[in-house]
Protein backbone atom coordinates (compact mmCIF):
# COMPACT_ATOMS: atom_id res chain seq x y z
CA MET A 1 -4.99 -7.56 -15.58
CA GLY A 2 -5.88 -7.88 -11.91
CA ARG A 3 -9.30 -8.26 -10.42
CA ALA A 4 -11.15 -5.00 -9.70
CA SER A 5 -11.45 -3.88 -6.10
CA GLU A 6 -14.46 -2.59 -4.26
CA THR A 7 -13.66 0.81 -5.79
CA GLY A 8 -13.56 -0.58 -9.34
CA ARG A 9 -9.79 -0.11 -9.61
CA SER A 10 -7.61 -2.90 -10.93
CA ARG A 11 -4.91 -4.43 -8.75
CA GLY A 12 -2.26 -2.78 -10.90
CA GLU A 13 -3.83 0.64 -10.47
CA ILE A 14 -4.15 0.20 -6.70
CA GLY A 15 -0.51 -0.97 -6.61
CA ALA A 16 0.67 2.10 -8.47
CA VAL A 17 -1.30 4.45 -6.22
CA VAL A 18 -0.08 2.71 -3.04
CA THR A 19 3.54 2.83 -4.20
CA ARG A 20 3.25 6.50 -5.18
CA GLN A 21 1.64 7.53 -1.88
CA LEU A 22 4.22 5.68 0.20
CA LEU A 23 7.09 7.21 -1.77
CA LEU A 24 5.65 10.73 -1.57
CA GLU A 25 4.70 10.53 2.10
CA PRO A 26 7.05 8.15 3.94
CA GLY A 27 6.06 7.29 7.49
CA VAL A 28 2.59 8.86 7.14
CA TRP A 29 0.37 5.94 6.11
CA SER A 30 -0.45 2.62 7.71
CA ALA A 31 -1.94 -0.08 5.48
CA ALA A 32 -5.34 0.40 7.12
CA ALA A 33 -5.31 4.19 6.79
CA LEU A 34 -4.16 4.07 3.17
CA ALA A 35 -6.79 1.47 2.30
CA ALA A 36 -9.51 3.63 3.86
CA HIS A 37 -8.20 6.68 1.99
CA LEU A 38 -8.41 4.74 -1.28
CA GLY A 39 -11.95 3.53 -0.56
CA GLU A 40 -11.01 -0.09 0.07
CA THR A 41 -13.07 -2.00 2.63
CA GLY A 42 -9.99 -3.32 4.42
CA PRO A 43 -6.19 -3.22 4.40
CA ARG A 44 -5.61 -6.68 2.92
CA ARG A 45 -4.87 -5.52 -0.67
CA VAL A 46 -2.53 -2.77 0.52
CA GLN A 47 -0.71 -5.24 2.78
CA ARG A 48 -0.28 -7.65 -0.15
CA ILE A 49 1.11 -4.88 -2.35
CA VAL A 50 3.63 -3.89 0.33
CA THR A 51 4.62 -7.55 0.80
CA GLU A 52 5.12 -7.91 -2.97
CA LEU A 53 7.27 -4.76 -3.04
CA GLN A 54 9.41 -6.22 -0.26
CA ALA A 55 9.71 -9.55 -2.10
CA ALA A 56 10.84 -7.63 -5.20
CA GLY A 57 13.74 -6.13 -3.26
CA TRP A 58 12.27 -2.87 -1.98
CA THR A 59 13.12 -1.83 1.57
CA VAL A 60 10.00 -1.68 3.75
CA VAL A 61 10.05 -0.16 7.23
CA ARG A 62 7.04 -0.43 9.53
CA ASP A 63 7.26 2.22 12.24
CA ASP A 64 5.38 1.91 15.52
CA PRO A 65 2.86 3.09 16.58
CA GLY A 66 0.26 2.18 13.99
CA GLN A 67 2.70 0.45 11.64
CA LYS A 68 3.33 3.55 9.51
CA LEU A 69 5.02 2.47 6.28
CA THR A 70 8.14 3.75 4.58
CA ILE A 71 9.39 2.19 1.34
CA SER A 72 12.45 2.72 -0.81
CA PRO A 73 13.68 1.00 -3.96
């Protein structure tokens, strides 16, 4: 099990929430905005999750301005 975040959520839980939000609302969230929405102190964990999704074969698109994220399996 992953280390708890500032919000008390495990890394796995944050990963599931991030993935769900990005699938439900493509092109709406940047890593920083999503981290703030989840109560994280910074975007680093969200960025790592997105990088791990990309490494696992997911398509990740970062749209300018603000690096809005869209993911697809």
